[in-house]
Amino acid sequence: MSWIEPFFPYHDWRGQVWFDLLGIGFLCVFWDTRKLFSVRNLDLLVLCSWIPLGEYEKGPLAVTTLLGYLPLLYLWPRLLWMLLRPPPPPPRPNLHDRALHVLSFVLLAYSIGLTLSAPFPFGRVGQTRWCLSESSIVGVLGADQFLQCRPPYGHLAASQERPKTIYAIYGPSYFLSFVPGVLAAGVGRPFTDWAAAARWTTIALLLVSFFGLRRLGHRLGGPRAAATLGFAWSVLPYLHSASYWSWTGNLLPAAFTILVLLASATREGAALGLSVANATAASYYPAAWLALWPLGLPRREKLEFWIYASCLLLLFFGLAVAQPHGMARFWSQVSTYLIPGRMPEWRYQWSPYTYHPWMHALRYAALVAFLPVVLWTGWRLFSRSAAPSLQTLAASSALLEIHAQLFKIHAPGRMTLWSLPFLLVLLIPCGPDPEAGSEGLGDPLEETPPAARPDLEPR
């Protein structure tokens, strides 16, 4: 191994030293030194426990199964408890905000450099069948199909570079996000060339997620919170792994999640409805958020939420099925990764369901419990005497995301970025700092009694 290889995320759990150090740095910055054995410190440890997982495709499967599932099994009851008892505000970080500003931008540049350099130093472009994540390559091919005025479902044919069947498993919003990159750089031969459209799209998502979280922090707690959220997002190695392989299947839903949080800070029903609908049309799971995020909005804003969300969903999924037998083609592609019996056999070599028989029981239990969890979460929020706070909505949304990962077939626990923005809002100090006289406006959905909120409709 050359001296530079440890700084690139393509190792098993034994070669993650550099990224383990980044996780330790995260813990040092946000560790509560006044309460060493607090539950929040345990939450931060669990948040870092996916780091030693490394590349799940490099195994061994026994280790990746253990490291992949334990945080999920901890976070599920922990988020339920946060809904019952919202956690107190976290303490200030142990590093000055100016240092957090500088480090966050350095780490952002590091992520962009990883995106541009793959597959160096482990190979060269064209040396293997592909050097980027298949999710980004499929996104480029799907965007090209939309530019040819037809949906990608059923039209992504196998090629000489990729003889296996190519499935368009993502939603229409996912593929449309690649259109600017394809227009700028073309399609090319993404399995064997540098795949410029995929890399530019990844860099755009890195910028959107980074500056979106900083904007959210500035809105909630001023410059200190902006620096804190930006650093927390960019230091955890989950972002670097997604950047290196242009893993947009992990990064793009996370960027759309950040847009939902940012829209919630505006308290505008139209912006929030469009952002939730956009996230739903990309990865499907955020459909459960449609029942949660309108809670607490004024009556007029709630109506706007549903109008704009419904119109955008009809537009997106109308484009997805706009072909002969469109609905059948769409379901045939998407269900390949949603139904275990239809999953390609070659994917099972990296799936923990082949390692432990009890994984099947866990998945079916999660499937059966999904609807009751959604109903209980909605009832818990709706039955409150006050509008739910941003932290409460973040906890409920993260709970549904974690629950969905429990019955995800391929590499559970690896879609860390999907729920990470919600977890950061819950665990990282992003509110006004009373000691420093922060200029942030605080939680825009702060829980106040209905009597003090004439804009809320009575229940």
Protein backbone atom coordinates (compact mmCIF):
# COMPACT_ATOMS: atom_id res chain seq x y z
CA MET A 1 0.00 0.00 0.00
CA SER A 2 1.40 3.40 -0.99
CA TRP A 3 1.47 6.28 1.49
CA ILE A 4 -1.41 8.08 -0.21
CA GLU A 5 -3.92 5.21 -0.39
CA PRO A 6 -5.16 5.51 3.24
CA PHE A 7 -6.62 8.95 2.40
CA PHE A 8 -8.99 7.46 -0.21
CA PRO A 9 -12.10 5.57 0.95
CA TYR A 10 -11.67 2.13 -0.57
CA HIS A 11 -10.66 -0.14 2.31
CA ASP A 12 -12.17 -2.81 4.49
CA TRP A 13 -12.71 -2.21 8.18
CA ARG A 14 -9.00 -2.71 8.97
CA GLY A 15 -7.76 0.05 6.64
CA GLN A 16 -9.97 2.91 7.83
CA VAL A 17 -7.38 4.59 10.06
CA TRP A 18 -7.56 8.06 8.46
CA PHE A 19 -11.34 8.05 8.47
CA ASP A 20 -11.43 6.72 12.01
CA LEU A 21 -9.33 9.75 12.97
CA LEU A 22 -11.87 12.05 11.30
CA GLY A 23 -14.56 10.42 13.43
CA ILE A 24 -12.47 10.97 16.55
CA GLY A 25 -12.09 14.62 15.55
CA PHE A 26 -15.86 14.89 15.24
CA LEU A 27 -16.26 13.44 18.74
CA CYS A 28 -13.64 15.77 20.21
CA VAL A 29 -15.40 18.83 18.82
CA PHE A 30 -18.92 17.92 19.96
CA TRP A 31 -18.29 15.79 23.07
CA ASP A 32 -20.04 17.07 26.18
CA THR A 33 -17.15 17.37 28.63
CA ARG A 34 -19.45 18.35 31.49
CA LYS A 35 -21.43 15.09 31.29
CA LEU A 36 -19.05 12.43 30.05
CA PHE A 37 -21.57 9.60 30.36
CA SER A 38 -24.61 11.41 28.96
CA VAL A 39 -26.99 9.80 26.50
CA ARG A 40 -26.11 12.45 23.92
CA ASN A 41 -22.45 11.40 24.01
CA LEU A 42 -23.59 7.85 23.41
CA ASP A 43 -25.65 9.13 20.45
CA LEU A 44 -22.52 10.73 18.98
CA LEU A 45 -20.59 7.48 19.40
CA VAL A 46 -23.32 5.55 17.59
CA LEU A 47 -23.34 8.16 14.83
CA CYS A 48 -19.64 7.41 14.28
CA SER A 49 -19.96 3.64 14.59
CA TRP A 50 -20.57 3.19 10.85
CA ILE A 51 -17.12 4.62 10.06
CA PRO A 52 -15.14 1.38 10.69
CA LEU A 53 -17.55 -0.39 8.34
CA GLY A 54 -15.43 0.73 5.38
CA GLU A 55 -16.39 -0.50 1.94
CA TYR A 56 -19.11 -3.09 2.49
CA GLU A 57 -18.16 -4.77 -0.80
CA LYS A 58 -14.73 -5.60 0.61
CA GLY A 59 -16.19 -7.48 3.57
CA PRO A 60 -15.85 -9.65 5.52
CA LEU A 61 -19.60 -10.07 5.53
CA ALA A 62 -19.75 -11.00 9.23
CA VAL A 63 -18.17 -7.67 10.22
CA THR A 64 -20.16 -5.54 7.77
CA THR A 65 -23.40 -7.14 8.93
CA LEU A 66 -22.63 -6.40 12.58
CA LEU A 67 -21.41 -2.84 12.03
CA GLY A 68 -24.22 -2.09 9.60
CA TYR A 69 -27.11 -3.14 11.82
CA LEU A 70 -26.15 -2.25 15.38
CA PRO A 71 -26.51 1.55 14.91
CA LEU A 72 -29.90 1.06 13.23
CA LEU A 73 -31.14 -1.08 16.11
CA TYR A 74 -29.98 1.59 18.59
CA LEU A 75 -31.30 4.63 16.71
CA TRP A 76 -34.79 3.20 16.17
CA PRO A 77 -35.84 3.14 19.89
CA ARG A 78 -33.73 6.23 20.60
CA LEU A 79 -35.67 8.30 18.06
CA LEU A 80 -38.94 6.98 19.44
CA TRP A 81 -37.83 8.22 22.85
CA MET A 82 -36.91 11.62 21.39
CA LEU A 83 -40.49 11.92 20.16
CA LEU A 84 -41.76 11.24 23.66
CA ARG A 85 -39.13 13.40 25.37
CA PRO A 86 -37.40 16.00 23.17
CA PRO A 87 -33.71 16.22 24.13
CA PRO A 88 -32.33 19.37 25.80
CA PRO A 89 -30.27 21.80 23.71
CA PRO A 90 -26.77 20.39 23.12
CA PRO A 91 -23.75 22.25 24.53
CA ARG A 92 -21.51 24.51 22.49
CA PRO A 93 -18.78 22.85 20.41
CA ASN A 94 -15.30 22.58 21.89
CA LEU A 95 -13.71 24.52 19.04
CA HIS A 96 -13.93 28.16 18.04
CA ASP A 97 -16.36 28.95 15.25
CA ARG A 98 -13.61 30.50 13.10
CA ALA A 99 -11.69 27.21 13.16
CA LEU A 100 -14.90 25.35 12.30
CA HIS A 101 -15.44 27.67 9.32
CA VAL A 102 -11.94 27.04 7.97
CA LEU A 103 -11.98 23.28 8.56
CA SER A 104 -15.40 22.86 6.95
CA PHE A 105 -14.24 24.53 3.72
CA VAL A 106 -11.01 22.51 3.71
CA LEU A 107 -13.00 19.29 4.09
CA LEU A 108 -15.41 20.38 1.34
CA ALA A 109 -12.44 20.91 -0.99
CA TYR A 110 -11.17 17.45 0.04
CA SER A 111 -14.52 15.89 -0.94
CA ILE A 112 -14.50 17.65 -4.31
CA GLY A 113 -10.94 16.46 -4.87
CA LEU A 114 -12.02 12.89 -4.16
CA THR A 115 -14.80 13.23 -6.73
CA LEU A 116 -12.40 14.42 -9.42
CA SER A 117 -9.67 11.86 -8.68
CA ALA A 118 -11.52 8.50 -8.62
CA PRO A 119 -10.41 5.75 -9.18
CA PHE A 120 -6.89 7.01 -8.35
CA PRO A 121 -4.81 5.63 -6.63
CA PHE A 122 -6.39 2.18 -6.93
CA GLY A 123 -6.64 2.13 -10.72
CA ARG A 124 -7.06 4.16 -13.88
CA VAL A 125 -10.09 5.30 -15.83
CA GLY A 126 -11.04 2.59 -18.31
CA GLN A 127 -8.99 -0.06 -16.52
CA THR A 128 -12.15 -1.70 -15.17
CA ARG A 129 -15.76 -1.79 -16.39
CA TRP A 130 -16.58 1.29 -14.35
CA CYS A 131 -14.83 3.47 -11.81
CA LEU A 132 -17.86 5.26 -10.33
CA SER A 133 -20.97 4.17 -8.49
CA GLU A 134 -23.53 2.53 -10.71
CA SER A 135 -26.15 4.86 -9.24
CA SER A 136 -24.53 7.91 -10.86
CA ILE A 137 -23.98 6.14 -14.18
CA VAL A 138 -27.61 5.04 -14.27
CA GLY A 139 -28.59 8.63 -13.45
CA VAL A 140 -26.67 9.88 -16.49
CA LEU A 141 -28.23 7.26 -18.77
CA GLY A 142 -31.70 8.01 -17.41
CA ALA A 143 -31.27 11.76 -17.93
CA ASP A 144 -30.27 11.07 -21.51
CA GLN A 145 -33.50 9.11 -22.00
CA PHE A 146 -35.55 12.03 -20.67
CA LEU A 147 -33.72 14.35 -23.08
CA GLN A 148 -34.84 12.00 -25.85
CA CYS A 149 -38.43 12.58 -24.66
CA ARG A 150 -39.03 9.15 -23.15
CA PRO A 151 -38.80 7.87 -19.56
CA PRO A 152 -35.84 5.63 -18.69
CA TYR A 153 -37.90 2.77 -17.27
CA GLY A 154 -37.36 -0.22 -19.54
CA HIS A 155 -35.03 1.64 -21.91
CA LEU A 156 -31.64 1.32 -20.23
CA ALA A 157 -30.30 -1.50 -22.37
CA ALA A 158 -27.21 -3.51 -21.45
CA SER A 159 -24.05 -2.67 -23.35
CA GLN A 160 -20.67 -4.22 -24.04
CA GLU A 161 -19.23 -2.39 -21.03
CA ARG A 162 -22.08 -3.52 -18.77
CA PRO A 163 -23.52 -6.84 -19.94
CA LYS A 164 -25.83 -7.24 -16.93
CA THR A 165 -29.34 -5.79 -17.07
CA ILE A 166 -29.50 -2.11 -16.06
CA TYR A 167 -32.45 -1.27 -13.81
CA ALA A 168 -33.89 2.23 -13.51
CA ILE A 169 -34.89 1.88 -9.87
CA TYR A 170 -34.92 5.56 -8.87
CA GLY A 171 -37.72 8.07 -9.16
CA PRO A 172 -38.06 10.56 -12.02
CA SER A 173 -36.74 13.47 -9.95
CA TYR A 174 -33.50 11.55 -9.48
CA PHE A 175 -32.87 11.23 -13.21
CA LEU A 176 -33.95 14.78 -13.99
CA SER A 177 -31.31 16.04 -11.55
CA PHE A 178 -28.64 14.78 -13.96
CA VAL A 179 -30.02 16.68 -16.95
CA PRO A 180 -27.86 19.84 -16.44
CA GLY A 181 -24.71 17.69 -16.21
CA VAL A 182 -25.64 15.71 -19.32
CA LEU A 183 -26.39 18.91 -21.24
CA ALA A 184 -23.03 20.38 -20.20
CA ALA A 185 -20.78 17.32 -20.64
CA GLY A 186 -22.75 14.82 -22.71
CA VAL A 187 -23.27 11.16 -21.96
CA GLY A 188 -20.15 9.62 -23.44
CA ARG A 189 -19.40 6.06 -22.36
CA PRO A 190 -19.86 6.41 -18.61
CA PHE A 191 -18.88 2.81 -17.80
CA THR A 192 -15.41 3.21 -19.30
CA ASP A 193 -14.59 6.94 -19.62
CA TRP A 194 -14.23 9.70 -17.02
CA ALA A 195 -18.04 10.15 -16.81
CA ALA A 196 -17.90 13.93 -16.58
CA ALA A 197 -21.69 14.38 -16.26
CA ALA A 198 -21.80 12.11 -13.20
CA ARG A 199 -18.88 13.89 -11.53
CA TRP A 200 -20.23 17.40 -12.17
CA THR A 201 -23.60 16.35 -10.78
CA THR A 202 -21.90 14.96 -7.68
CA ILE A 203 -19.98 18.20 -7.14
CA ALA A 204 -23.19 20.20 -7.55
CA LEU A 205 -24.86 18.02 -4.90
CA LEU A 206 -21.88 18.49 -2.57
CA LEU A 207 -22.20 22.27 -2.89
CA VAL A 208 -25.98 22.24 -2.47
CA SER A 209 -25.83 20.08 0.65
CA PHE A 210 -22.92 21.98 2.24
CA PHE A 211 -24.19 25.50 1.67
CA GLY A 212 -27.79 24.42 2.32
CA LEU A 213 -26.85 23.18 5.79
CA ARG A 214 -24.83 26.32 6.45
CA ARG A 215 -27.80 28.45 5.40
CA LEU A 216 -30.05 26.43 7.71
CA GLY A 217 -27.63 26.89 10.59
CA HIS A 218 -27.42 30.62 9.95
CA ARG A 219 -31.22 30.79 9.96
CA LEU A 220 -31.51 28.88 13.24
CA GLY A 221 -28.56 30.13 15.26
CA GLY A 222 -26.45 32.63 13.37
CA PRO A 223 -22.84 32.31 12.10
CA ARG A 224 -21.78 29.93 14.88
CA ALA A 225 -24.51 27.43 14.03
CA ALA A 226 -23.68 27.76 10.31
CA ALA A 227 -20.05 26.87 11.00
CA THR A 228 -21.06 24.03 13.33
CA LEU A 229 -23.47 22.33 10.92
CA GLY A 230 -21.11 22.82 7.97
CA PHE A 231 -18.24 21.21 9.87
CA ALA A 232 -20.32 18.31 11.20
CA TRP A 233 -21.58 17.53 7.69
CA SER A 234 -18.18 17.68 5.99
CA VAL A 235 -16.01 15.93 8.59
CA LEU A 236 -17.89 12.63 8.85
CA PRO A 237 -16.41 10.14 6.34
CA TYR A 238 -19.82 9.11 5.00
CA LEU A 239 -19.72 12.18 2.76
CA HIS A 240 -16.20 11.40 1.53
CA SER A 241 -17.12 7.84 0.58
CA ALA A 242 -20.13 9.07 -1.40
CA SER A 243 -17.98 11.77 -3.04
CA TYR A 244 -15.18 9.44 -4.10
CA TRP A 245 -17.44 7.05 -6.00
CA SER A 246 -19.96 9.71 -7.07
CA TRP A 247 -22.45 7.69 -5.04
CA THR A 248 -25.43 9.84 -5.87
CA GLY A 249 -27.82 7.12 -4.71
CA ASN A 250 -26.71 8.11 -1.21
CA LEU A 251 -25.84 11.78 -1.71
CA LEU A 252 -28.77 13.04 -3.79
CA PRO A 253 -31.56 12.04 -1.34
CA ALA A 254 -29.49 13.64 1.43
CA ALA A 255 -29.25 16.91 -0.52
CA PHE A 256 -33.02 16.86 -1.08
CA THR A 257 -33.50 16.23 2.65
CA ILE A 258 -31.47 19.34 3.42
CA LEU A 259 -33.68 21.31 1.02
CA VAL A 260 -36.72 20.11 3.02
CA LEU A 261 -35.15 21.36 6.25
CA LEU A 262 -34.23 24.65 4.62
CA ALA A 263 -37.76 25.09 3.24
CA SER A 264 -39.24 24.38 6.67
CA ALA A 265 -37.31 27.34 8.05
CA THR A 266 -39.23 29.65 5.71
CA ARG A 267 -42.65 28.45 6.97
CA GLU A 268 -43.93 28.78 3.40
CA GLY A 269 -46.28 26.00 2.38
CA ALA A 270 -45.38 26.22 -1.31
CA ALA A 271 -41.62 25.85 -0.76
CA LEU A 272 -42.06 23.04 1.76
CA GLY A 273 -44.55 21.17 -0.43
CA LEU A 274 -42.27 21.36 -3.47
CA SER A 275 -39.23 20.18 -1.51
CA VAL A 276 -41.01 17.21 0.10
CA ALA A 277 -42.56 16.20 -3.24
CA ASN A 278 -39.17 16.48 -4.93
CA ALA A 279 -37.58 14.21 -2.32
CA THR A 280 -40.46 11.73 -2.66
CA ALA A 281 -40.10 11.59 -6.44
CA ALA A 282 -36.39 10.75 -6.08
CA SER A 283 -36.24 7.92 -3.52
CA TYR A 284 -39.90 7.09 -2.63
CA TYR A 285 -39.37 6.73 1.15
CA PRO A 286 -40.01 10.44 1.89
CA ALA A 287 -43.66 9.89 0.87
CA ALA A 288 -44.32 9.35 4.59
CA TRP A 289 -43.16 12.92 5.23
CA LEU A 290 -46.18 14.26 3.35
CA ALA A 291 -48.28 13.58 6.45
CA LEU A 292 -45.76 15.11 8.88
CA TRP A 293 -44.28 18.35 7.60
CA PRO A 294 -47.54 20.27 7.02
CA LEU A 295 -48.35 19.93 10.74
CA GLY A 296 -48.14 23.26 12.49
CA LEU A 297 -48.45 25.34 9.31
CA PRO A 298 -51.19 27.97 9.16
CA ARG A 299 -54.32 26.89 7.33
CA ARG A 300 -53.49 28.85 4.17
CA GLU A 301 -49.90 27.57 4.08
CA LYS A 302 -51.09 24.01 4.66
CA LEU A 303 -53.42 24.28 1.67
CA GLU A 304 -50.56 25.62 -0.46
CA PHE A 305 -48.38 22.73 0.72
CA TRP A 306 -50.83 20.14 -0.57
CA ILE A 307 -51.55 21.94 -3.83
CA TYR A 308 -47.90 22.38 -4.79
CA ALA A 309 -46.85 18.92 -3.57
CA SER A 310 -49.69 17.21 -5.45
CA CYS A 311 -49.02 19.10 -8.68
CA LEU A 312 -45.29 18.34 -8.64
CA LEU A 313 -45.85 14.64 -7.86
CA LEU A 314 -48.39 14.36 -10.67
CA LEU A 315 -45.93 16.02 -13.04
CA PHE A 316 -42.98 13.83 -12.08
CA PHE A 317 -44.79 10.50 -12.09
CA GLY A 318 -46.74 11.50 -15.17
CA LEU A 319 -43.39 11.83 -16.95
CA ALA A 320 -42.31 8.47 -15.53
CA VAL A 321 -45.21 6.54 -17.08
CA ALA A 322 -45.59 8.56 -20.30
CA GLN A 323 -45.07 5.59 -22.64
CA PRO A 324 -47.00 2.49 -23.75
CA HIS A 325 -47.53 0.20 -20.75
CA GLY A 326 -45.85 2.92 -18.71
CA MET A 327 -47.13 1.86 -15.31
CA ALA A 328 -46.15 -1.78 -15.87
CA ARG A 329 -42.68 -0.79 -17.05
CA PHE A 330 -42.21 1.53 -14.09
CA TRP A 331 -43.24 -1.07 -11.50
CA SER A 332 -41.21 -3.81 -13.19
CA GLN A 333 -38.03 -1.74 -12.80
CA VAL A 334 -38.61 -0.22 -9.37
CA SER A 335 -39.86 -3.37 -7.65
CA THR A 336 -36.62 -5.17 -8.50
CA TYR A 337 -35.00 -3.66 -5.42
CA LEU A 338 -38.13 -3.45 -3.27
CA ILE A 339 -39.20 -7.11 -3.41
CA PRO A 340 -36.58 -9.67 -2.25
CA GLY A 341 -37.60 -12.36 -4.74
CA ARG A 342 -36.90 -10.05 -7.68
CA MET A 343 -33.48 -8.84 -6.61
CA PRO A 344 -30.64 -9.85 -8.98
CA GLU A 345 -28.75 -12.82 -7.59
CA TRP A 346 -25.33 -11.20 -8.04
CA ARG A 347 -26.35 -8.52 -5.52
CA TYR A 348 -26.71 -11.10 -2.75
CA GLN A 349 -22.96 -11.53 -2.43
CA TRP A 350 -22.94 -8.20 -0.52
CA SER A 351 -26.25 -8.56 1.22
CA PRO A 352 -26.34 -9.60 4.89
CA TYR A 353 -29.58 -11.50 4.29
CA THR A 354 -27.44 -14.32 2.90
CA TYR A 355 -25.24 -14.37 5.99
CA HIS A 356 -27.72 -14.61 8.85
CA PRO A 357 -31.11 -16.34 8.53
CA TRP A 358 -32.52 -14.10 11.27
CA MET A 359 -32.06 -11.14 8.90
CA HIS A 360 -35.11 -12.37 7.00
CA ALA A 361 -37.17 -12.31 10.20
CA LEU A 362 -35.88 -8.82 11.03
CA ARG A 363 -36.81 -7.52 7.61
CA TYR A 364 -40.31 -8.96 7.67
CA ALA A 365 -40.85 -7.62 11.20
CA ALA A 366 -39.80 -4.16 10.02
CA LEU A 367 -42.13 -4.40 7.04
CA VAL A 368 -45.09 -5.37 9.22
CA ALA A 369 -44.31 -2.63 11.76
CA PHE A 370 -43.81 0.16 9.18
CA LEU A 371 -47.44 1.22 8.88
CA PRO A 372 -48.08 1.19 12.66
CA VAL A 373 -44.95 3.29 13.19
CA VAL A 374 -46.12 5.83 10.60
CA LEU A 375 -49.58 6.00 12.16
CA TRP A 376 -48.22 6.30 15.70
CA THR A 377 -45.77 9.02 14.67
CA GLY A 378 -48.51 10.99 12.92
CA TRP A 379 -50.84 10.61 15.90
CA ARG A 380 -48.07 11.63 18.31
CA LEU A 381 -47.44 14.83 16.38
CA PHE A 382 -51.07 15.66 15.61
CA SER A 383 -52.29 15.11 19.17
CA ARG A 384 -49.90 17.67 20.63
CA SER A 385 -51.39 20.84 22.06
CA ALA A 386 -48.67 22.84 20.29
CA ALA A 387 -47.25 22.91 16.80
CA PRO A 388 -44.36 20.41 16.46
CA SER A 389 -40.89 21.92 16.57
CA LEU A 390 -38.27 21.44 13.88
CA GLN A 391 -36.45 18.99 16.17
CA THR A 392 -39.63 16.95 16.64
CA LEU A 393 -40.27 16.78 12.90
CA ALA A 394 -36.62 15.88 12.32
CA ALA A 395 -36.84 13.05 14.87
CA SER A 396 -40.02 11.65 13.31
CA SER A 397 -38.60 11.85 9.77
CA ALA A 398 -35.31 10.24 10.83
CA LEU A 399 -37.27 7.48 12.56
CA LEU A 400 -39.07 6.64 9.33
CA GLU A 401 -35.79 6.69 7.37
CA ILE A 402 -34.07 4.40 9.87
CA HIS A 403 -37.07 2.08 9.82
CA ALA A 404 -36.94 1.93 6.03
CA GLN A 405 -33.26 0.93 6.18
CA LEU A 406 -34.15 -2.00 8.41
CA PHE A 407 -35.97 -3.65 5.51
CA LYS A 408 -33.71 -2.38 2.72
CA ILE A 409 -32.34 -5.37 0.84
CA HIS A 410 -28.97 -4.20 -0.41
CA ALA A 411 -26.32 -3.06 2.10
CA PRO A 412 -28.51 -1.87 5.01
CA GLY A 413 -26.85 0.76 7.15
CA ARG A 414 -24.87 2.19 4.24
CA MET A 415 -27.41 4.86 3.25
CA THR A 416 -26.21 6.90 6.21
CA LEU A 417 -26.51 10.25 4.46
CA TRP A 418 -30.28 9.84 4.01
CA SER A 419 -31.00 10.43 7.70
CA LEU A 420 -27.78 12.24 8.68
CA PRO A 421 -29.15 15.81 8.19
CA PHE A 422 -32.00 15.05 10.61
CA LEU A 423 -29.63 13.51 13.15
CA LEU A 424 -27.31 16.51 12.98
CA VAL A 425 -30.19 18.90 13.66
CA LEU A 426 -31.02 16.81 16.73
CA LEU A 427 -27.52 16.24 18.13
CA ILE A 428 -25.42 19.22 16.99
CA PRO A 429 -25.79 22.71 18.56
CA CYS A 430 -27.54 24.74 15.87
CA GLY A 431 -29.84 27.01 17.90
CA PRO A 432 -29.20 30.54 19.20
CA ASP A 433 -26.29 30.79 21.62
CA PRO A 434 -27.48 32.82 24.63
CA GLU A 435 -23.92 33.16 25.96
CA ALA A 436 -22.67 34.73 22.74
CA GLY A 437 -25.81 36.72 21.98
CA SER A 438 -26.40 34.85 18.73
CA GLU A 439 -28.31 36.67 16.03
CA GLY A 440 -30.11 33.57 14.81
CA LEU A 441 -33.87 33.51 14.83
CA GLY A 442 -34.18 30.15 16.54
CA ASP A 443 -36.51 27.32 15.63
CA PRO A 444 -39.06 28.67 13.11
CA LEU A 445 -41.49 26.00 14.28
CA GLU A 446 -40.83 26.42 17.99
CA GLU A 447 -43.51 24.75 20.07
CA THR A 448 -45.84 27.42 21.43
CA PRO A 449 -49.37 27.03 22.75
CA PRO A 450 -52.13 27.51 20.17
CA ALA A 451 -53.46 30.49 22.16
CA ALA A 452 -50.26 32.34 21.34
CA ARG A 453 -50.39 31.30 17.69
CA PRO A 454 -53.46 32.87 16.04
CA ASP A 455 -52.24 31.63 12.66
CA LEU A 456 -52.83 27.99 13.69
CA GLU A 457 -56.16 26.41 13.02
CA PRO A 458 -57.94 24.89 16.05
CA ARG A 459 -57.95 21.13 16.43
